Amino acid sequence: MGTSPTASKNGTLVRSVGLWGLTAMVLNGLIGAGIFGLPASVADNAGSWAPLIVLLVGAAMLPIVLVVMRLAGMFDGTGGPILYVESAFGKTAAFQIGWMQLLSTTASAAANVNLLADYAVRGWGPAGEGPVIHASIVLVALLVIFAVNLNRTSGVARTLGLLSIMKLLPLALVVVLAVPMLVSDGGASHPAAHWSLTQAALLSAYAFTGFEGSLTLAGEARDPRRDLPRALLAVFVGVAFLYALLTWGYVATAYVPGAADKAPLSAMAAVLMGAAGAAMMLATATVSIFANVTNNMLFLSRRLLAMEALGGLPAWLGRVNADDAVPRNAVIFIMLVLVALSLSGGFAVLAILSVSSRLIVYLGCIAALPVVERRAGKAASIGGVAVIAAAAITCVLLIMGSEPQSWLSLLIGAAAGAVMFIANRAYRAKADAAIQP
């Protein structure tokens, strides 16, 4: 079930990614820039309760992950949620899901590559300031990321695996060094700057999004139905505990209520290791964001393949190079879009879509699961229904806490996607009819 027709006249994608490669992709989808600002934001709203809030929100998001895991175990084609929704509700709904993912991930990647430049400039100090330097860092970073993505997916996976180690080791180190202070801190009270448990929960929830991106790569995994569910569950649970520990460590070591701390993990590392620790954490943030954008460019290019297979995009975007099994047209297109957005700042409006569009994707998966399982002849169980209900409730609560402006932007984006889908389908149907004898 669920094999995506992404083969082109020139070549096909190759199943070359194993469990560890998928694990690296899930990890880099989850751990990007968010964790480097999350501890201060949650602590300002929840004080001493911040680490517990992070852990509880992770638990609340887990049913969504379980829904996605069940779907991942039934499909092996490129596209992830696009395939799931197509199987349940047809091509039009599937294209909209892909379109929402495309907009949100593109905006997120453009924002993150600018953030990467901010961290790099901060590491260099005053000598590195200035718009020219900033733009140069953005361009160099995107060119390197582009070069990585021109490799076969297994090669990209190896790069992501190395980057995962490079960012996890420093994060683990500060957690270990913080243990004595956590023990001595005991039950000490750390007041919030302004109490808002709702805001703390929303901030935490947004830091847990991004795990769904790896599903897009199922068509290039050796055994996606087995490996993707394993990678999703292991990474999500591990990251939840890591986020909670880092937040706890920050609250116990460096948190000052009301202080505007834009680099909380660097402040925490400075307390534990001095200036060298702060510099190490700035470098870790840069590596983490670089890996996240590399991951996103990979996902975006494959998402274009899945959307082209629906007939909603020009056929040239779906071509796969026969020599290296890389969809070069899609990779080049995404690169050009990211350069334009990153240098122009035009991603600001799209960034508003990021949260709301992810929730729509999750709801699409939640709605698709019972339909797909019923068509596959799988009987519903009490546990399965409970997981679906819990996932839906979590999404609804997040929607209720979202900004109204994001939903207006979502409607505008959805309308634009519908027009594009209809226009491309009509054009391709006309072109096909013209070449018929």
Protein backbone atom coordinates (compact mmCIF):
# COMPACT_ATOMS: atom_id res chain seq x y z
CA MET A 1 0.00 0.00 0.00
CA GLY A 2 1.02 3.60 -0.56
CA THR A 3 3.80 3.36 -3.14
CA SER A 4 4.12 6.80 -4.68
CA PRO A 5 4.46 7.13 -8.47
CA THR A 6 7.55 9.31 -8.28
CA ALA A 7 9.51 7.56 -11.03
CA SER A 8 10.31 9.83 -13.96
CA LYS A 9 11.25 9.14 -17.56
CA ASN A 10 14.89 9.70 -16.65
CA GLY A 11 15.40 7.92 -13.35
CA THR A 12 13.94 6.71 -10.08
CA LEU A 13 14.59 7.31 -6.42
CA VAL A 14 16.75 4.71 -4.73
CA ARG A 15 15.99 3.00 -1.41
CA SER A 16 19.31 3.65 0.29
CA VAL A 17 18.48 5.02 3.77
CA GLY A 18 18.44 2.73 6.78
CA LEU A 19 17.24 3.09 10.36
CA TRP A 20 20.11 5.31 11.52
CA GLY A 21 19.73 7.65 8.57
CA LEU A 22 16.00 8.02 9.26
CA THR A 23 16.76 8.55 12.95
CA ALA A 24 19.12 11.40 12.07
CA MET A 25 16.44 12.96 9.88
CA VAL A 26 13.78 12.78 12.60
CA LEU A 27 16.26 14.21 15.11
CA ASN A 28 17.24 17.14 12.91
CA GLY A 29 13.60 17.83 12.12
CA LEU A 30 12.85 18.13 15.84
CA ILE A 31 16.02 19.77 17.13
CA GLY A 32 16.64 22.91 15.14
CA ALA A 33 16.60 26.41 16.56
CA GLY A 34 13.73 26.08 19.04
CA ILE A 35 15.57 24.47 21.95
CA PHE A 36 18.14 27.28 22.01
CA GLY A 37 15.43 29.75 23.01
CA LEU A 38 12.80 27.51 24.62
CA PRO A 39 14.15 27.32 28.22
CA ALA A 40 14.02 31.09 28.79
CA SER A 41 10.62 31.50 27.14
CA VAL A 42 9.00 28.71 29.16
CA ALA A 43 10.72 29.76 32.41
CA ASP A 44 9.45 33.32 32.02
CA ASN A 45 5.90 31.94 31.89
CA ALA A 46 6.14 29.04 34.35
CA GLY A 47 9.17 29.55 36.60
CA SER A 48 10.09 26.38 38.50
CA TRP A 49 7.31 24.50 36.73
CA ALA A 50 8.96 25.00 33.32
CA PRO A 51 10.69 21.58 33.01
CA LEU A 52 7.55 19.74 34.10
CA ILE A 53 5.46 21.72 31.60
CA VAL A 54 7.86 20.76 28.81
CA LEU A 55 7.63 17.10 29.77
CA LEU A 56 3.84 17.13 30.06
CA VAL A 57 3.46 18.86 26.70
CA GLY A 58 5.71 16.22 25.16
CA ALA A 59 3.40 13.58 26.63
CA ALA A 60 0.37 15.42 25.21
CA MET A 61 1.97 15.51 21.74
CA LEU A 62 2.82 11.80 21.87
CA PRO A 63 -0.62 10.63 20.61
CA ILE A 64 -0.06 12.65 17.41
CA VAL A 65 3.27 10.86 16.98
CA LEU A 66 1.55 7.50 17.57
CA VAL A 67 -1.04 8.29 14.88
CA VAL A 68 1.72 9.21 12.43
CA MET A 69 3.62 6.05 13.38
CA ARG A 70 0.64 3.87 12.54
CA LEU A 71 0.29 5.53 9.15
CA ALA A 72 4.03 5.29 8.49
CA GLY A 73 3.79 1.55 9.08
CA MET A 74 1.31 1.25 6.18
CA PHE A 75 2.97 3.30 3.44
CA ASP A 76 6.32 3.09 1.69
CA GLY A 77 6.18 5.85 -0.93
CA THR A 78 7.55 9.39 -1.12
CA GLY A 79 5.29 12.04 0.40
CA GLY A 80 4.31 11.06 3.95
CA PRO A 81 1.15 12.95 4.91
CA ILE A 82 0.51 13.72 1.24
CA LEU A 83 0.17 10.00 0.56
CA TYR A 84 -1.88 9.35 3.69
CA VAL A 85 -4.44 12.03 2.86
CA GLU A 86 -4.54 11.05 -0.83
CA SER A 87 -5.34 7.47 0.14
CA ALA A 88 -8.18 8.62 2.41
CA PHE A 89 -9.61 11.73 0.73
CA GLY A 90 -8.22 12.04 -2.79
CA LYS A 91 -5.73 14.13 -4.75
CA THR A 92 -7.19 17.59 -4.09
CA ALA A 93 -7.02 17.25 -0.29
CA ALA A 94 -3.57 15.66 -0.58
CA PHE A 95 -2.23 18.56 -2.64
CA GLN A 96 -3.49 21.05 -0.04
CA ILE A 97 -1.69 19.11 2.70
CA GLY A 98 1.49 19.15 0.65
CA TRP A 99 1.02 22.84 -0.13
CA MET A 100 0.63 23.68 3.55
CA GLN A 101 3.78 21.73 4.36
CA LEU A 102 5.64 23.40 1.52
CA LEU A 103 4.75 26.91 2.70
CA SER A 104 5.49 26.31 6.37
CA THR A 105 8.76 24.45 5.86
CA THR A 106 10.05 26.98 3.31
CA ALA A 107 9.29 29.85 5.67
CA SER A 108 10.86 28.00 8.59
CA ALA A 109 14.01 27.20 6.61
CA ALA A 110 14.37 30.81 5.43
CA ALA A 111 13.93 32.10 8.97
CA ASN A 112 16.39 29.56 10.35
CA VAL A 113 19.15 30.31 7.86
CA ASN A 114 18.91 33.96 8.94
CA LEU A 115 19.05 32.82 12.55
CA LEU A 116 22.12 30.75 11.70
CA ALA A 117 23.78 33.92 10.41
CA ASP A 118 22.76 35.75 13.60
CA TYR A 119 24.45 33.11 15.76
CA ALA A 120 27.56 33.14 13.58
CA VAL A 121 27.78 36.94 13.75
CA ARG A 122 27.28 36.84 17.52
CA GLY A 123 30.13 34.36 17.79
CA TRP A 124 32.47 36.62 15.84
CA GLY A 125 31.60 39.68 17.90
CA PRO A 126 31.32 43.32 16.75
CA ALA A 127 33.77 42.74 13.86
CA GLY A 128 31.25 40.44 12.23
CA GLU A 129 28.29 42.80 12.31
CA GLY A 130 26.71 44.40 9.27
CA PRO A 131 24.16 43.50 6.58
CA VAL A 132 26.79 42.55 4.00
CA ILE A 133 28.46 40.08 6.36
CA HIS A 134 25.07 38.72 7.38
CA ALA A 135 23.95 38.25 3.77
CA SER A 136 27.27 36.64 2.89
CA ILE A 137 26.89 34.08 5.68
CA VAL A 138 23.34 33.31 4.51
CA LEU A 139 24.52 32.73 0.95
CA VAL A 140 27.52 30.62 1.92
CA ALA A 141 25.39 28.49 4.26
CA LEU A 142 22.74 27.93 1.58
CA LEU A 143 25.37 27.06 -1.04
CA VAL A 144 26.92 24.45 1.25
CA ILE A 145 23.47 23.05 2.11
CA PHE A 146 22.65 22.98 -1.62
CA ALA A 147 25.87 21.06 -2.35
CA VAL A 148 25.03 18.51 0.36
CA ASN A 149 21.54 18.00 -1.09
CA LEU A 150 22.90 17.29 -4.57
CA ASN A 151 24.21 14.01 -3.17
CA ARG A 152 22.23 10.79 -3.09
CA THR A 153 19.93 10.69 -0.07
CA SER A 154 22.11 8.14 1.72
CA GLY A 155 24.98 10.64 1.52
CA VAL A 156 22.81 13.41 2.94
CA ALA A 157 21.78 11.03 5.72
CA ARG A 158 25.43 10.38 6.61
CA THR A 159 26.08 14.13 6.79
CA LEU A 160 23.04 14.58 9.02
CA GLY A 161 24.24 11.75 11.24
CA LEU A 162 27.58 13.48 11.77
CA LEU A 163 25.90 16.82 12.46
CA SER A 164 23.57 15.08 14.94
CA ILE A 165 26.56 13.86 16.96
CA MET A 166 28.17 17.32 16.79
CA LYS A 167 25.13 18.97 18.37
CA LEU A 168 24.03 16.26 20.78
CA LEU A 169 27.38 15.89 22.54
CA PRO A 170 27.58 19.54 23.75
CA LEU A 171 23.93 19.46 24.83
CA ALA A 172 24.52 16.25 26.76
CA LEU A 173 27.67 17.74 28.29
CA VAL A 174 25.90 20.76 29.78
CA VAL A 175 23.17 18.48 31.17
CA VAL A 176 25.79 16.30 32.88
CA LEU A 177 27.69 19.31 34.24
CA ALA A 178 24.44 20.79 35.54
CA VAL A 179 23.56 17.70 37.63
CA PRO A 180 25.38 18.88 40.82
CA MET A 181 23.58 22.23 40.64
CA LEU A 182 20.26 20.48 40.03
CA VAL A 183 20.81 18.38 43.14
CA SER A 184 21.83 21.38 45.26
CA ASP A 185 18.98 23.46 43.84
CA GLY A 186 16.59 20.87 45.24
CA GLY A 187 13.11 22.26 45.64
CA ALA A 188 14.15 25.92 45.33
CA SER A 189 11.45 28.17 43.97
CA HIS A 190 12.10 30.20 40.82
CA PRO A 191 9.28 32.67 40.18
CA ALA A 192 8.00 33.32 36.68
CA ALA A 193 8.38 36.78 35.20
CA HIS A 194 4.70 36.68 34.24
CA TRP A 195 2.61 33.61 34.94
CA SER A 196 0.94 32.03 31.91
CA LEU A 197 0.87 28.26 31.92
CA THR A 198 -1.10 28.35 28.65
CA GLN A 199 1.63 30.34 26.94
CA ALA A 200 4.30 28.06 28.40
CA ALA A 201 2.45 25.02 27.05
CA LEU A 202 2.02 26.55 23.58
CA LEU A 203 5.70 27.49 23.37
CA SER A 204 6.67 23.98 24.39
CA ALA A 205 4.29 22.39 21.87
CA TYR A 206 5.73 24.36 18.99
CA ALA A 207 9.22 23.15 19.90
CA PHE A 208 8.00 19.56 19.47
CA THR A 209 6.83 20.02 15.87
CA GLY A 210 8.87 18.99 12.85
CA PHE A 211 9.02 15.22 13.40
CA GLU A 212 6.62 14.68 10.48
CA GLY A 213 9.14 15.89 7.89
CA SER A 214 11.04 12.60 7.82
CA LEU A 215 7.91 10.78 6.63
CA THR A 216 8.42 12.39 3.22
CA LEU A 217 11.53 10.25 2.68
CA ALA A 218 9.79 6.86 2.97
CA GLY A 219 10.27 6.29 -0.76
CA GLU A 220 14.06 6.32 -0.27
CA ALA A 221 14.18 4.19 2.89
CA ARG A 222 15.15 0.52 2.73
CA ASP A 223 12.38 -0.62 5.07
CA PRO A 224 10.22 2.43 5.89
CA ARG A 225 7.27 0.53 7.34
CA ARG A 226 9.52 -0.93 10.02
CA ASP A 227 12.19 1.76 10.47
CA LEU A 228 10.20 5.00 10.38
CA PRO A 229 7.88 4.13 13.31
CA ARG A 230 10.91 3.05 15.37
CA ALA A 231 12.85 6.21 14.59
CA LEU A 232 9.86 8.47 15.29
CA LEU A 233 9.08 7.00 18.71
CA ALA A 234 12.68 6.69 19.95
CA VAL A 235 13.70 10.20 18.89
CA PHE A 236 10.54 11.92 20.09
CA VAL A 237 10.70 10.39 23.57
CA GLY A 238 14.44 11.05 23.84
CA VAL A 239 14.08 14.65 22.71
CA ALA A 240 11.23 15.25 25.19
CA PHE A 241 13.46 14.23 28.09
CA LEU A 242 16.40 16.21 26.69
CA TYR A 243 14.29 19.37 26.37
CA ALA A 244 12.99 18.95 29.93
CA LEU A 245 16.51 18.41 31.33
CA LEU A 246 17.93 21.41 29.48
CA THR A 247 15.07 23.58 30.71
CA TRP A 248 15.56 22.34 34.27
CA GLY A 249 19.29 22.99 34.01
CA TYR A 250 18.74 26.53 32.77
CA VAL A 251 16.24 27.34 35.52
CA ALA A 252 18.65 26.04 38.17
CA THR A 253 21.80 27.69 36.82
CA ALA A 254 21.18 30.85 34.82
CA TYR A 255 17.54 31.91 34.95
CA VAL A 256 16.88 35.46 36.12
CA PRO A 257 13.16 36.33 36.19
CA GLY A 258 12.37 39.18 33.84
CA ALA A 259 15.77 39.23 32.14
CA ALA A 260 15.63 39.22 28.34
CA ASP A 261 17.76 36.15 27.70
CA LYS A 262 17.86 35.41 23.96
CA ALA A 263 20.51 32.68 24.29
CA PRO A 264 19.57 30.76 27.46
CA LEU A 265 21.65 27.68 26.74
CA SER A 266 24.72 29.85 26.14
CA ALA A 267 24.04 31.56 29.47
CA MET A 268 23.72 28.15 31.13
CA ALA A 269 26.97 26.93 29.53
CA ALA A 270 28.72 30.13 30.63
CA VAL A 271 27.77 29.48 34.25
CA LEU A 272 29.00 25.89 34.01
CA MET A 273 32.09 26.33 31.82
CA GLY A 274 32.83 30.03 31.53
CA ALA A 275 33.34 31.92 28.26
CA ALA A 276 34.47 28.74 26.50
CA GLY A 277 31.13 27.14 27.33
CA ALA A 278 29.18 30.07 25.95
CA ALA A 279 31.21 29.97 22.73
CA MET A 280 30.71 26.22 22.48
CA MET A 281 26.95 26.59 22.76
CA LEU A 282 26.85 29.33 20.10
CA ALA A 283 28.76 26.98 17.80
CA THR A 284 26.36 24.14 18.69
CA ALA A 285 23.37 26.31 17.83
CA THR A 286 24.94 27.16 14.48
CA VAL A 287 25.56 23.48 13.70
CA SER A 288 22.05 22.55 14.83
CA ILE A 289 20.37 25.14 12.64
CA PHE A 290 22.59 24.21 9.68
CA ALA A 291 21.52 20.58 10.05
CA ASN A 292 17.87 21.57 10.35
CA VAL A 293 17.93 23.64 7.15
CA THR A 294 19.80 20.83 5.34
CA ASN A 295 17.08 18.46 6.50
CA ASN A 296 14.33 20.83 5.38
CA MET A 297 15.79 21.32 1.90
CA LEU A 298 15.83 17.53 1.50
CA PHE A 299 12.20 17.24 2.65
CA LEU A 300 11.07 20.16 0.48
CA SER A 301 12.53 18.73 -2.72
CA ARG A 302 10.89 15.33 -2.14
CA ARG A 303 7.62 17.00 -1.25
CA LEU A 304 7.66 18.62 -4.69
CA LEU A 305 7.99 15.14 -6.22
CA ALA A 306 4.93 13.90 -4.37
CA MET A 307 2.91 16.98 -5.32
CA GLU A 308 3.97 16.71 -8.97
CA ALA A 309 2.83 13.07 -8.94
CA LEU A 310 -0.64 14.36 -8.02
CA GLY A 311 -0.61 16.43 -11.22
CA GLY A 312 -0.61 19.74 -9.36
CA LEU A 313 2.88 20.97 -10.33
CA PRO A 314 4.84 21.18 -13.61
CA ALA A 315 6.19 17.80 -14.72
CA TRP A 316 9.81 18.97 -14.80
CA LEU A 317 9.77 19.29 -11.00
CA GLY A 318 9.21 15.54 -10.73
CA ARG A 319 12.20 14.44 -12.79
CA VAL A 320 14.85 12.32 -11.10
CA ASN A 321 18.39 12.25 -12.46
CA ALA A 322 19.20 8.78 -13.82
CA ASP A 323 22.88 8.90 -12.81
CA ASP A 324 22.61 9.67 -9.10
CA ALA A 325 18.87 9.27 -8.29
CA VAL A 326 18.67 12.92 -7.18
CA PRO A 327 15.70 15.14 -8.17
CA ARG A 328 18.00 17.98 -9.21
CA ASN A 329 15.29 20.22 -10.65
CA ALA A 330 13.41 20.15 -7.35
CA VAL A 331 16.58 20.76 -5.32
CA ILE A 332 17.61 23.71 -7.53
CA PHE A 333 14.11 25.19 -7.37
CA ILE A 334 14.02 24.99 -3.57
CA MET A 335 17.49 26.51 -3.38
CA LEU A 336 16.42 29.52 -5.48
CA VAL A 337 13.29 30.04 -3.39
CA LEU A 338 15.26 29.89 -0.13
CA VAL A 339 17.87 32.36 -1.41
CA ALA A 340 15.13 34.80 -2.47
CA LEU A 341 13.21 34.52 0.80
CA SER A 342 16.26 34.52 3.07
CA LEU A 343 17.79 37.64 1.53
CA SER A 344 14.54 39.57 1.06
CA GLY A 345 12.89 38.89 4.41
CA GLY A 346 9.80 37.92 2.41
CA PHE A 347 9.26 34.86 4.56
CA ALA A 348 7.65 36.94 7.34
CA VAL A 349 4.08 36.46 6.09
CA LEU A 350 4.69 32.79 5.33
CA ALA A 351 6.17 32.27 8.79
CA ILE A 352 2.77 33.05 10.28
CA LEU A 353 1.52 29.95 8.46
CA SER A 354 4.10 27.69 10.06
CA VAL A 355 2.20 26.70 13.20
CA SER A 356 -1.34 26.62 11.79
CA SER A 357 -0.30 24.66 8.70
CA ARG A 358 1.45 22.02 10.81
CA LEU A 359 -1.73 21.60 12.85
CA ILE A 360 -3.71 21.13 9.64
CA VAL A 361 -1.23 18.46 8.56
CA TYR A 362 -1.60 16.68 11.91
CA LEU A 363 -5.39 16.87 11.71
CA GLY A 364 -5.24 15.52 8.17
CA CYS A 365 -3.24 12.52 9.39
CA ILE A 366 -5.58 11.99 12.33
CA ALA A 367 -8.64 12.06 10.06
CA ALA A 368 -6.98 9.81 7.48
CA LEU A 369 -5.93 7.03 9.87
CA PRO A 370 -9.37 5.46 10.57
CA VAL A 371 -10.30 5.69 6.88
CA VAL A 372 -7.07 4.05 5.73
CA GLU A 373 -7.30 1.32 8.36
CA ARG A 374 -10.93 0.58 7.56
CA ARG A 375 -10.14 0.23 3.85
CA ALA A 376 -7.23 -2.04 4.73
CA GLY A 377 -9.62 -4.27 6.69
CA LYS A 378 -8.17 -3.45 10.11
CA ALA A 379 -10.71 -3.48 12.91
CA ALA A 380 -10.80 -0.48 15.26
CA SER A 381 -9.65 -1.10 18.83
CA ILE A 382 -10.44 0.78 22.02
CA GLY A 383 -6.78 1.73 22.40
CA GLY A 384 -6.55 2.92 18.80
CA VAL A 385 -9.68 5.06 19.12
CA ALA A 386 -8.34 6.54 22.37
CA VAL A 387 -5.06 7.51 20.70
CA ILE A 388 -6.88 9.16 17.80
CA ALA A 389 -9.17 11.03 20.19
CA ALA A 390 -6.25 12.21 22.35
CA ALA A 391 -4.35 13.38 19.26
CA ALA A 392 -7.38 15.28 17.99
CA ILE A 393 -7.93 16.94 21.39
CA THR A 394 -4.29 18.07 21.51
CA CYS A 395 -4.60 19.61 18.03
CA VAL A 396 -7.85 21.38 18.90
CA LEU A 397 -6.33 22.85 22.07
CA LEU A 398 -3.34 24.11 20.10
CA ILE A 399 -5.65 25.60 17.49
CA MET A 400 -7.60 27.43 20.22
CA GLY A 401 -4.35 28.97 21.45
CA SER A 402 -3.12 30.01 18.01
CA GLU A 403 -3.23 33.57 16.70
CA PRO A 404 -6.29 34.39 14.52
CA GLN A 405 -3.98 36.04 12.00
CA SER A 406 -2.33 32.71 11.30
CA TRP A 407 -5.66 31.20 10.28
CA LEU A 408 -6.45 34.11 7.95
CA SER A 409 -3.06 33.59 6.33
CA LEU A 410 -3.80 29.87 6.14
CA LEU A 411 -7.05 30.48 4.25
CA ILE A 412 -5.28 32.77 1.78
CA GLY A 413 -2.51 30.20 1.33
CA ALA A 414 -5.02 27.39 0.85
CA ALA A 415 -6.87 29.40 -1.80
CA ALA A 416 -3.61 30.03 -3.66
CA GLY A 417 -2.81 26.32 -3.50
CA ALA A 418 -6.24 25.38 -4.85
CA VAL A 419 -5.87 27.74 -7.80
CA MET A 420 -2.39 26.34 -8.58
CA PHE A 421 -3.62 22.75 -8.38
CA ILE A 422 -6.62 23.35 -10.65
CA ALA A 423 -4.59 25.35 -13.18
CA ASN A 424 -1.79 22.77 -13.41
CA ARG A 425 -4.19 19.84 -13.66
CA ALA A 426 -6.06 21.59 -16.48
CA TYR A 427 -2.84 22.48 -18.31
CA ARG A 428 -1.44 18.96 -18.06
CA ALA A 429 -4.74 17.42 -19.18
CA LYS A 430 -4.78 19.72 -22.21
CA ALA A 431 -1.14 18.90 -23.01
CA ASP A 432 -1.81 15.17 -22.74
CA ALA A 433 -4.84 15.46 -25.00
CA ALA A 434 -2.81 17.36 -27.61
CA ILE A 435 -0.27 14.53 -27.99
CA GLN A 436 -2.86 11.78 -28.26
CA PRO A 437 -3.14 10.36 -31.81
